[in-house]
Every structure is written in structure tokens, then in C-alpha cells.
Protein backbone atom coordinates (compact mmCIF):
# COMPACT_ATOMS: atom_id res chain seq x y z
CA MET A 1 68.31 177.72 168.74
CA ALA A 2 68.23 178.82 172.38
CA LYS A 3 66.87 182.23 171.30
CA PHE A 4 63.89 180.58 169.62
CA ILE A 5 63.21 178.39 172.62
CA LEU A 6 63.20 181.58 174.67
CA LEU A 7 60.77 183.14 172.15
CA THR A 8 58.43 180.22 172.77
CA VAL A 9 58.76 180.79 176.51
CA PHE A 10 57.89 184.46 176.01
CA ILE A 11 54.84 183.67 173.87
CA VAL A 12 53.58 180.98 176.24
CA GLY A 13 54.27 183.18 179.27
CA VAL A 14 52.56 186.30 177.92
CA ALA A 15 49.60 184.55 176.27
CA GLY A 16 49.28 182.08 179.13
CA GLY A 17 49.47 184.87 181.69
CA GLY A 18 46.78 186.78 179.83
CA ALA A 19 44.58 183.70 179.64
CA LEU A 20 45.08 182.97 183.33
CA VAL A 21 44.17 186.54 184.30
CA GLY A 22 41.14 186.40 181.99
CA MET A 23 39.93 183.15 183.54
CA ASN A 24 40.30 184.54 187.05
CA PHE A 25 38.53 187.81 186.24
CA PRO A 26 35.87 187.02 183.62
CA ALA A 27 33.06 189.24 182.40
CA ASP A 28 30.40 188.16 184.90
CA ALA A 29 26.85 189.08 185.93
CA TRP A 30 28.05 192.44 187.27
CA PHE A 31 29.56 193.31 183.89
CA GLU A 32 26.46 192.12 182.05
CA SER A 33 24.34 194.43 184.21
CA LEU A 34 26.32 197.51 183.17
CA ASN A 35 25.06 199.91 180.54
CA LYS A 36 27.27 199.50 177.49
CA PRO A 37 28.59 202.29 175.28
CA PHE A 38 27.19 202.14 171.76
CA TYR A 39 30.67 201.30 170.46
CA ASN A 40 31.12 198.26 172.74
CA PRO A 41 32.25 195.45 170.41
CA PRO A 42 30.84 191.94 170.59
CA GLY A 43 32.50 189.78 173.23
CA TYR A 44 33.97 187.28 170.76
CA LEU A 45 36.15 190.03 169.28
CA PHE A 46 38.25 190.17 172.45
CA GLY A 47 38.99 186.46 172.07
CA ILE A 48 40.33 187.12 168.58
CA VAL A 49 42.27 190.32 169.24
CA TRP A 50 44.05 189.52 172.51
CA PRO A 51 45.86 186.33 171.43
CA ILE A 52 47.26 188.19 168.41
CA LEU A 53 48.31 191.15 170.55
CA TYR A 54 49.89 188.88 173.15
CA VAL A 55 52.05 187.21 170.49
CA LEU A 56 53.20 190.62 169.24
CA ILE A 57 53.86 191.83 172.80
CA ALA A 58 55.86 188.65 173.47
CA ILE A 59 57.93 189.08 170.31
CA ALA A 60 58.75 192.68 171.27
CA GLY A 61 59.71 191.68 174.80
CA TRP A 62 61.81 188.77 173.56
CA ARG A 63 63.66 191.01 171.09
CA VAL A 64 64.53 193.55 173.77
CA PHE A 65 65.40 190.88 176.34
CA THR A 66 67.76 189.09 173.95
CA SER A 67 69.43 192.25 172.62
CA GLU A 68 72.09 192.02 175.37
CA GLY A 69 71.43 195.56 176.51
CA GLU A 70 71.76 197.02 173.03
CA THR A 71 68.06 197.90 172.90
CA PRO A 72 66.62 199.75 175.89
CA GLY A 73 63.05 199.27 176.98
CA TRP A 74 63.04 196.14 179.11
CA GLY A 75 61.76 197.97 182.20
CA LEU A 76 59.01 199.62 180.15
CA TRP A 77 58.01 196.26 178.70
CA VAL A 78 57.76 194.72 182.18
CA ALA A 79 55.84 197.75 183.52
CA GLN A 80 53.25 197.63 180.74
CA MET A 81 52.87 193.87 181.24
CA LEU A 82 52.20 194.34 184.96
CA CYS A 83 49.61 197.02 184.20
CA ASN A 84 48.09 194.87 181.45
CA PHE A 85 47.62 191.96 183.84
CA ALA A 86 46.35 194.26 186.62
CA TRP A 87 43.56 195.86 184.59
CA PRO A 88 41.10 192.90 184.67
CA ALA A 89 41.56 192.60 188.45
CA VAL A 90 40.71 196.28 188.89
CA PHE A 91 37.86 196.44 186.36
CA PHE A 92 36.20 193.02 186.69
CA GLY A 93 37.53 191.85 190.07
CA ALA A 94 37.29 194.99 192.19
CA GLN A 95 34.63 196.56 189.91
CA LEU A 96 36.47 199.88 190.08
CA VAL A 97 35.70 201.19 186.60
CA GLY A 98 37.18 204.64 187.27
CA TRP A 99 40.44 203.29 188.68
CA ALA A 100 40.67 200.87 185.77
CA ILE A 101 40.90 203.89 183.46
CA TRP A 102 44.07 204.97 185.25
CA VAL A 103 45.57 201.48 185.00
CA LEU A 104 44.78 201.46 181.30
CA LEU A 105 46.25 204.93 180.78
CA ALA A 106 49.42 203.82 182.58
CA THR A 107 49.60 200.76 180.30
CA LEU A 108 49.19 203.04 177.31
CA ALA A 109 51.86 205.47 178.55
CA PHE A 110 54.38 202.68 179.17
CA SER A 111 53.61 201.20 175.74
CA VAL A 112 53.96 204.46 173.81
CA THR A 113 57.20 205.15 175.66
CA PHE A 114 58.39 201.62 174.81
CA ILE A 115 57.85 202.42 171.11
CA ALA A 116 59.74 205.70 171.42
CA VAL A 117 62.66 204.11 173.27
CA THR A 118 63.04 201.09 170.97
CA TRP A 119 62.30 202.81 167.64
CA GLU A 120 65.90 203.55 166.63
CA ARG A 121 67.57 200.35 167.82
CA ASP A 122 64.88 197.74 167.15
CA ARG A 123 62.18 198.93 164.78
CA ILE A 124 60.56 195.48 164.73
CA ALA A 125 60.04 195.50 168.51
CA ALA A 126 58.58 199.00 168.25
CA LEU A 127 56.31 198.07 165.35
CA CYS A 128 55.01 195.04 167.27
CA PHE A 129 53.55 197.52 169.77
CA TRP A 130 51.63 199.67 167.25
CA PRO A 131 48.54 197.40 167.06
CA TYR A 132 48.64 197.07 170.85
CA VAL A 133 48.71 200.84 171.31
CA ALA A 134 45.82 201.20 168.86
CA TRP A 135 43.81 198.63 170.82
CA LEU A 136 44.73 200.21 174.17
CA THR A 137 43.55 203.58 172.85
CA PHE A 138 40.20 202.06 171.87
CA ALA A 139 40.05 200.20 175.21
CA ALA A 140 40.64 203.46 177.08
CA ALA A 141 37.77 205.11 175.19
CA LEU A 142 35.62 202.08 175.96
CA ASN A 143 36.57 202.07 179.64
CA ILE A 144 35.81 205.81 179.86
CA GLY A 145 32.48 205.13 178.15
CA PHE A 146 31.58 202.50 180.76
CA TRP A 147 32.56 204.87 183.55
CA ALA A 148 30.58 207.79 182.08
CA ILE A 149 27.28 205.92 181.65
CA ASN A 150 27.38 203.83 184.80
């Protein structure tokens, strides 16, 4: 039972942290003034995708955290989370579109490495990161698009 309470803590912490970061660094007038790449999705899509991804990220982190050291990857999970939460501050807060690409690429690198490290010992944790990596790849292309046309 304690493991499932901890899962709830992970989900609330990850999703709540993401929501808190999003509220503190929203898409504002500066963002609206930017030229958008033709493949920029509608804003509501982010509100659908991120909660799902945050639940999957939380499940993966919880599985590694509760594996009692049997599954490596905890440091990678923490590192990608820190980068994930830093990106909005760099992109929206500091308005450093070019630097945000590097933060996003670091997030992607930590996440792909997390999959590689956890694949053999906890396939479910690794699989939870596949949609996230797909979205991060698209987000990197989008971020590069913003940088290139602005």
C-alpha cells in the first residue's frame, strides 16, 4: 500500500511541478508576437499532452525509485526532470530561444539514456518514456523552428 501512496506522491509532484512551472512562465504577449513555424500546434494541444506525459514520467520515476537499487536510472530521471522544469524559464521567462534548444536537447539526451539504462531491468519504466521522447523530439524541432524564423 505504501508503494501506491508513493506513486500518488510522484504523480502529484511531477504533474503539480509542471503545472506550477507553466503558471509561472506562461505563453505571454512576447510569445504571441513571435513568428510561428508552420507546424506549430494549437495551444490547447499542450494542455492535453503534458498531463499524460507527466503521469507516464511519474510512473517511470516511481518504478525506478522503488526498485531498491535494482533498476538504475534514478539520477537520469532527476536530471531530465530538472531540465524539463527549467525549459519554460529559459524559453518563456528569459526569452532565450536559442539557449532553450540546448536545455531541450539535454532533456532529450537524459531521457533517451534513461530508456537505454532501464530497458533490461524495468521495461515498463523505459516504455513510459517513449511517448515523452517522441514529444521532446517534436518540441526540439519546434524550438529550432522558432529560433530559425525569429
